[in-house]
Amino acid sequence: MSVSNQMMKGLLDGAILGLIAQGETYGYEILEKLKEKDFPEISDGSIYPVLLRLSRKGYVSTQTKKSDTGGPKRKYYSITESGLHELEIFRSRWTYLNKGMNNLMRSVENAE
């Protein structure tokens, strides 16, 4: 099932912050982890602007390191204190929104 771009834009920042909060990681690994969690498919081209935005806002820090596989250097992302705070705000808002949507959808199902 396809998810609209507008819905994805609102969720991607929080999802990526959540993954980075679990430990230092790089772009391709983030894509793989999202797939493992059955997150709707995202293209490589859409994840990197999000990472850049999170970095500019000070939510993540970056460090370039040599690749373990001998390939090109990779940019690794780590969450900052500010990013942890933003993630907590996202979680609270998501919980509030999710509860309301679940209640609404249950009432729609019961009305049918």
Foldseek 3Di string as FASTA:
>chain_A
DDDDPVVCVLCVLLLLLVVLAVDKDFQVVSQVVCVVVVNPHDDSVVNVVSVVVCVVVVQWDWDWDQDPVRDHITIIIHGDPVNVVVSVVVVVVCVVVVVVVVVVVVVVVVVD
